[in-house]
C-alpha atoms as a PDB file:
ATOM      1  CA  UNK A   1       0.000   0.000   0.000  1.00  0.00           C
ATOM      2  CA  UNK A   2       1.459   3.349  -0.988  1.00  0.00           C
ATOM      3  CA  UNK A   3       1.722   6.322   1.329  1.00  0.00           C
ATOM      4  CA  UNK A   4      -0.811   8.198  -0.828  1.00  0.00           C
ATOM      5  CA  UNK A   5      -3.318   5.373  -0.405  1.00  0.00           C
ATOM      6  CA  UNK A   6      -2.735   5.281   3.359  1.00  0.00           C
ATOM      7  CA  UNK A   7      -3.215   9.046   3.540  1.00  0.00           C
ATOM      8  CA  UNK A   8      -6.421   8.741   1.502  1.00  0.00           C
ATOM      9  CA  UNK A   9      -7.779   6.015   3.789  1.00  0.00           C
ATOM     10  CA  UNK A  10      -6.909   8.041   6.855  1.00  0.00           C
ATOM     11  CA  UNK A  11      -8.658  11.105   5.401  1.00  0.00           C
ATOM     12  CA  UNK A  12     -11.783   9.107   4.488  1.00  0.00           C
ATOM     13  CA  UNK A  13     -12.013   7.669   8.023  1.00  0.00           C
ATOM     14  CA  UNK A  14     -11.451  11.108   9.571  1.00  0.00           C
ATOM     15  CA  UNK A  15     -14.132  12.731   7.379  1.00  0.00           C
ATOM     16  CA  UNK A  16     -16.626   9.995   8.214  1.00  0.00           C
ATOM     17  CA  UNK A  17     -16.040  10.423  11.946  1.00  0.00           C
ATOM     18  CA  UNK A  18     -16.376  14.208  11.726  1.00  0.00           C
ATOM     19  CA  UNK A  19     -19.978  13.607  10.585  1.00  0.00           C
ATOM     20  CA  UNK A  20     -20.672  10.742  13.010  1.00  0.00           C
ATOM     21  CA  UNK A  21     -18.178  10.634  15.917  1.00  0.00           C
ATOM     22  CA  UNK A  22     -19.916   7.646  17.560  1.00  0.00           C
ATOM     23  CA  UNK A  23     -19.906   5.490  14.434  1.00  0.00           C
ATOM     24  CA  UNK A  24     -19.369   1.746  14.777  1.00  0.00           C
ATOM     25  CA  UNK A  25     -16.225   0.683  12.948  1.00  0.00           C
ATOM     26  CA  UNK A  26     -17.998  -2.275  11.325  1.00  0.00           C
ATOM     27  CA  UNK A  27     -20.597   0.046   9.790  1.00  0.00           C
ATOM     28  CA  UNK A  28     -17.898   2.498   8.711  1.00  0.00           C
ATOM     29  CA  UNK A  29     -16.038  -0.301   6.955  1.00  0.00           C
ATOM     30  CA  UNK A  30     -19.169  -1.316   5.061  1.00  0.00           C
ATOM     31  CA  UNK A  31     -20.011   2.230   4.024  1.00  0.00           C
ATOM     32  CA  UNK A  32     -16.438   3.126   3.050  1.00  0.00           C
ATOM     33  CA  UNK A  33     -15.933  -0.280   1.372  1.00  0.00           C
ATOM     34  CA  UNK A  34     -12.636  -0.908   3.164  1.00  0.00           C
ATOM     35  CA  UNK A  35     -11.547  -3.632   5.598  1.00  0.00           C
ATOM     36  CA  UNK A  36     -12.568  -2.916   9.181  1.00  0.00           C
ATOM     37  CA  UNK A  37      -8.954  -3.323  10.343  1.00  0.00           C
ATOM     38  CA  UNK A  38      -8.074  -0.288   8.200  1.00  0.00           C
ATOM     39  CA  UNK A  39     -10.883   1.746   9.752  1.00  0.00           C
ATOM     40  CA  UNK A  40      -9.470   0.950  13.189  1.00  0.00           C
ATOM     41  CA  UNK A  41      -5.878   1.481  12.037  1.00  0.00           C
ATOM     42  CA  UNK A  42      -6.729   4.996  10.833  1.00  0.00           C
ATOM     43  CA  UNK A  43      -8.885   6.181  13.723  1.00  0.00           C
ATOM     44  CA  UNK A  44      -7.891   9.759  14.583  1.00  0.00           C
ATOM     45  CA  UNK A  45      -6.569  11.201  17.813  1.00  0.00           C
ATOM     46  CA  UNK A  46      -4.540   8.114  18.793  1.00  0.00           C
ATOM     47  CA  UNK A  47      -7.753   6.196  19.488  1.00  0.00           C
ATOM     48  CA  UNK A  48      -6.137   2.960  18.296  1.00  0.00           C
ATOM     49  CA  UNK A  49      -2.714   1.496  18.968  1.00  0.00           C
ATOM     50  CA  UNK A  50      -1.643  -1.413  16.802  1.00  0.00           C
ATOM     51  CA  UNK A  51      -0.468  -4.380  18.864  1.00  0.00           C
ATOM     52  CA  UNK A  52       1.904  -7.200  17.968  1.00  0.00           C
ATOM     53  CA  UNK A  53      -0.633  -9.812  16.815  1.00  0.00           C
ATOM     54  CA  UNK A  54       2.059 -12.517  16.885  1.00  0.00           C
ATOM     55  CA  UNK A  55       1.907 -12.170  20.688  1.00  0.00           C
ATOM     56  CA  UNK A  56      -1.823 -12.968  20.831  1.00  0.00           C
ATOM     57  CA  UNK A  57      -1.489 -15.518  23.667  1.00  0.00           C
ATOM     58  CA  UNK A  58       0.615 -13.077  25.712  1.00  0.00           C
ATOM     59  CA  UNK A  59      -1.954 -10.321  25.196  1.00  0.00           C
ATOM     60  CA  UNK A  60      -4.751 -12.630  26.306  1.00  0.00           C
ATOM     61  CA  UNK A  61      -2.749 -13.769  29.351  1.00  0.00           C
ATOM     62  CA  UNK A  62      -2.801 -10.139  30.549  1.00  0.00           C
ATOM     63  CA  UNK A  63      -6.625 -10.317  30.389  1.00  0.00           C
ATOM     64  CA  UNK A  64      -6.921 -13.363  32.660  1.00  0.00           C
ATOM     65  CA  UNK A  65      -9.591 -12.757  35.284  1.00  0.00           C
ATOM     66  CA  UNK A  66     -11.042  -9.599  33.723  1.00  0.00           C
ATOM     67  CA  UNK A  67     -14.760  -9.518  34.480  1.00  0.00           C
ATOM     68  CA  UNK A  68     -17.758  -8.073  32.666  1.00  0.00           C
ATOM     69  CA  UNK A  69     -15.886  -8.197  29.363  1.00  0.00           C
ATOM     70  CA  UNK A  70     -18.261  -7.727  26.433  1.00  0.00           C
ATOM     71  CA  UNK A  71     -17.233 -10.046  23.581  1.00  0.00           C
ATOM     72  CA  UNK A  72     -18.506  -9.370  20.061  1.00  0.00           C
ATOM     73  CA  UNK A  73     -18.066 -11.824  17.198  1.00  0.00           C
ATOM     74  CA  UNK A  74     -19.552 -10.702  13.908  1.00  0.00           C
ATOM     75  CA  UNK A  75     -19.625 -11.946  10.344  1.00  0.00           C
ATOM     76  CA  UNK A  76     -21.622 -11.142   7.201  1.00  0.00           C
ATOM     77  CA  UNK A  77     -24.713 -12.970   8.469  1.00  0.00           C
ATOM     78  CA  UNK A  78     -24.835 -12.575  12.246  1.00  0.00           C
ATOM     79  CA  UNK A  79     -23.431 -10.888  15.330  1.00  0.00           C
ATOM     80  CA  UNK A  80     -23.057 -12.670  18.673  1.00  0.00           C
ATOM     81  CA  UNK A  81     -22.487 -10.755  21.900  1.00  0.00           C
ATOM     82  CA  UNK A  82     -21.623 -12.256  25.261  1.00  0.00           C
ATOM     83  CA  UNK A  83     -20.505 -10.812  28.566  1.00  0.00           C
ATOM     84  CA  UNK A  84     -18.397 -12.617  31.120  1.00  0.00           C
ATOM     85  CA  UNK A  85     -15.039 -13.296  32.697  1.00  0.00           C
ATOM     86  CA  UNK A  86     -11.928 -14.052  30.662  1.00  0.00           C
ATOM     87  CA  UNK A  87     -10.146 -17.150  31.894  1.00  0.00           C
ATOM     88  CA  UNK A  88      -9.768 -20.885  31.653  1.00  0.00           C
ATOM     89  CA  UNK A  89      -7.225 -20.348  28.887  1.00  0.00           C
ATOM     90  CA  UNK A  90      -5.713 -23.328  27.084  1.00  0.00           C
ATOM     91  CA  UNK A  91      -4.419 -24.245  23.654  1.00  0.00           C
ATOM     92  CA  UNK A  92      -5.230 -27.314  21.620  1.00  0.00           C
ATOM     93  CA  UNK A  93      -5.067 -28.263  17.923  1.00  0.00           C
ATOM     94  CA  UNK A  94      -4.383 -24.690  16.817  1.00  0.00           C
ATOM     95  CA  UNK A  95      -7.062 -23.153  19.019  1.00  0.00           C
ATOM     96  CA  UNK A  96      -6.693 -20.680  21.854  1.00  0.00           C
ATOM     97  CA  UNK A  97      -9.552 -21.574  24.191  1.00  0.00           C
ATOM     98  CA  UNK A  98     -11.422 -19.369  26.649  1.00  0.00           C
ATOM     99  CA  UNK A  99     -13.514 -21.561  28.932  1.00  0.00           C
ATOM    100  CA  UNK A 100     -14.751 -19.705  31.977  1.00  0.00           C
ATOM    101  CA  UNK A 101     -18.119 -20.134  33.678  1.00  0.00           C
ATOM    102  CA  UNK A 102     -19.529 -17.399  31.416  1.00  0.00           C
ATOM    103  CA  UNK A 103     -17.553 -17.552  28.136  1.00  0.00           C
ATOM    104  CA  UNK A 104     -16.836 -20.592  25.971  1.00  0.00           C
ATOM    105  CA  UNK A 105     -14.870 -19.476  22.913  1.00  0.00           C
ATOM    106  CA  UNK A 106     -12.362 -21.182  20.633  1.00  0.00           C
ATOM    107  CA  UNK A 107     -10.107 -18.897  18.607  1.00  0.00           C
ATOM    108  CA  UNK A 108      -7.981 -19.950  15.645  1.00  0.00           C
ATOM    109  CA  UNK A 109      -5.147 -17.769  16.890  1.00  0.00           C
ATOM    110  CA  UNK A 110      -2.985 -18.447  13.823  1.00  0.00           C
ATOM    111  CA  UNK A 111      -5.579 -16.561  11.762  1.00  0.00           C
ATOM    112  CA  UNK A 112      -5.189 -13.376  13.840  1.00  0.00           C
ATOM    113  CA  UNK A 113      -3.227 -10.999  11.599  1.00  0.00           C
ATOM    114  CA  UNK A 114      -3.678  -7.675  13.360  1.00  0.00           C
ATOM    115  CA  UNK A 115      -4.663  -6.468  16.802  1.00  0.00           C
ATOM    116  CA  UNK A 116      -5.438  -3.109  18.352  1.00  0.00           C
ATOM    117  CA  UNK A 117      -6.039  -1.481  21.715  1.00  0.00           C
ATOM    118  CA  UNK A 118      -8.905   0.922  21.014  1.00  0.00           C
ATOM    119  CA  UNK A 119     -10.441   3.784  22.963  1.00  0.00           C
ATOM    120  CA  UNK A 120     -13.445   5.346  21.269  1.00  0.00           C
ATOM    121  CA  UNK A 121     -16.844   6.746  22.167  1.00  0.00           C
ATOM    122  CA  UNK A 122     -19.652   4.232  22.553  1.00  0.00           C
ATOM    123  CA  UNK A 123     -22.019   4.341  19.600  1.00  0.00           C
ATOM    124  CA  UNK A 124     -24.895   4.268  22.129  1.00  0.00           C
ATOM    125  CA  UNK A 125     -23.870   6.702  24.888  1.00  0.00           C
ATOM    126  CA  UNK A 126     -20.749   8.541  23.727  1.00  0.00           C
ATOM    127  CA  UNK A 127     -18.959   7.399  26.910  1.00  0.00           C
ATOM    128  CA  UNK A 128     -15.434   6.112  26.187  1.00  0.00           C
ATOM    129  CA  UNK A 129     -15.034   2.384  25.596  1.00  0.00           C
ATOM    130  CA  UNK A 130     -11.802   0.433  26.020  1.00  0.00           C
ATOM    131  CA  UNK A 131     -11.332  -2.639  23.870  1.00  0.00           C
ATOM    132  CA  UNK A 132      -8.905  -5.115  22.377  1.00  0.00           C
ATOM    133  CA  UNK A 133      -9.793  -5.904  18.781  1.00  0.00           C
ATOM    134  CA  UNK A 134      -8.463  -8.739  16.639  1.00  0.00           C
ATOM    135  CA  UNK A 135      -8.646  -9.078  12.840  1.00  0.00           C
ATOM    136  CA  UNK A 136      -8.008 -11.643  10.111  1.00  0.00           C
ATOM    137  CA  UNK A 137      -5.553 -11.248   7.233  1.00  0.00           C
ATOM    138  CA  UNK A 138      -8.410  -9.850   5.097  1.00  0.00           C
ATOM    139  CA  UNK A 139      -9.044  -7.182   7.739  1.00  0.00           C
ATOM    140  CA  UNK A 140     -12.306  -8.688   8.958  1.00  0.00           C
ATOM    141  CA  UNK A 141     -13.025  -8.686  12.671  1.00  0.00           C
ATOM    142  CA  UNK A 142     -12.186 -11.984  14.370  1.00  0.00           C
ATOM    143  CA  UNK A 143     -13.528 -10.726  17.688  1.00  0.00           C
ATOM    144  CA  UNK A 144     -13.581  -7.716  19.958  1.00  0.00           C
ATOM    145  CA  UNK A 145     -13.189  -7.751  23.724  1.00  0.00           C
ATOM    146  CA  UNK A 146     -14.669  -4.601  25.266  1.00  0.00           C
ATOM    147  CA  UNK A 147     -13.263  -4.084  28.749  1.00  0.00           C
ATOM    148  CA  UNK A 148     -15.789  -1.257  29.062  1.00  0.00           C
ATOM    149  CA  UNK A 149     -18.861  -0.915  26.871  1.00  0.00           C
ATOM    150  CA  UNK A 150     -19.888   2.678  27.428  1.00  0.00           C
ATOM    151  CA  UNK A 151     -22.311   2.318  30.328  1.00  0.00           C
ATOM    152  CA  UNK A 152     -19.965   4.282  32.595  1.00  0.00           C
ATOM    153  CA  UNK A 153     -16.488   5.779  32.577  1.00  0.00           C
ATOM    154  CA  UNK A 154     -13.703   3.180  32.740  1.00  0.00           C
ATOM    155  CA  UNK A 155     -12.564   2.472  36.295  1.00  0.00           C
ATOM    156  CA  UNK A 156      -8.971   3.472  37.118  1.00  0.00           C
ATOM    157  CA  UNK A 157      -8.097  -0.243  37.483  1.00  0.00           C
ATOM    158  CA  UNK A 158      -9.499  -1.165  34.067  1.00  0.00           C
ATOM    159  CA  UNK A 159      -7.879   1.888  32.471  1.00  0.00           C
ATOM    160  CA  UNK A 160      -4.527   0.872  34.002  1.00  0.00           C
ATOM    161  CA  UNK A 161      -4.783  -2.736  32.723  1.00  0.00           C
ATOM    162  CA  UNK A 162      -5.773  -1.604  29.224  1.00  0.00           C
ATOM    163  CA  UNK A 163      -2.980   0.976  29.153  1.00  0.00           C
ATOM    164  CA  UNK A 164      -0.423  -1.652  30.264  1.00  0.00           C
ATOM    165  CA  UNK A 165      -1.474  -3.962  27.407  1.00  0.00           C
ATOM    166  CA  UNK A 166      -1.395  -1.086  24.934  1.00  0.00           C
ATOM    167  CA  UNK A 167       2.087  -0.047  26.040  1.00  0.00           C
ATOM    168  CA  UNK A 168       3.627  -3.505  26.382  1.00  0.00           C
ATOM    169  CA  UNK A 169       2.411  -4.897  23.048  1.00  0.00           C
ATOM    170  CA  UNK A 170       2.467  -1.807  20.803  1.00  0.00           C
ATOM    171  CA  UNK A 171       4.126  -2.353  17.440  1.00  0.00           C
ATOM    172  CA  UNK A 172       5.342   1.206  17.070  1.00  0.00           C
ATOM    173  CA  UNK A 173       3.319   1.574  13.835  1.00  0.00           C
ATOM    174  CA  UNK A 174       0.566   3.682  15.440  1.00  0.00           C
END
């Protein structure tokens, strides 16, 4: 991708958000006809920090025990949302497993090509959300883990954990 193309994508994302600052990135991607990972990558105001996706298991290990995490898995036909505690991590046959009392999820971690720590306004309330978002090679969302979902301001503890992940795993590309 050339610098001109990157600048164009960044400008298109910025212009879209100027009109709708609470926009959902999935909807933006559809309307702009670009991969969702690029929408997230080009969010303005340092809202997204690209993480080292090759360290997926290490990133998830830092999330062990986090409660009230809102997980969103979406594809072209459906969206599934679940809230619970991250834990019960294991790996088997190419899967990274989350098996807590409230979340049962099996992730093909080798298919995770990009990852981001994202802070953006909730599309519902405008209150800041903190999330970790993971994408496939094509730029489609694999899943999103919202540590806060916009019902209230992030607690200092949650903010500190999110910030530690963002700092420790940043690629330096953001």
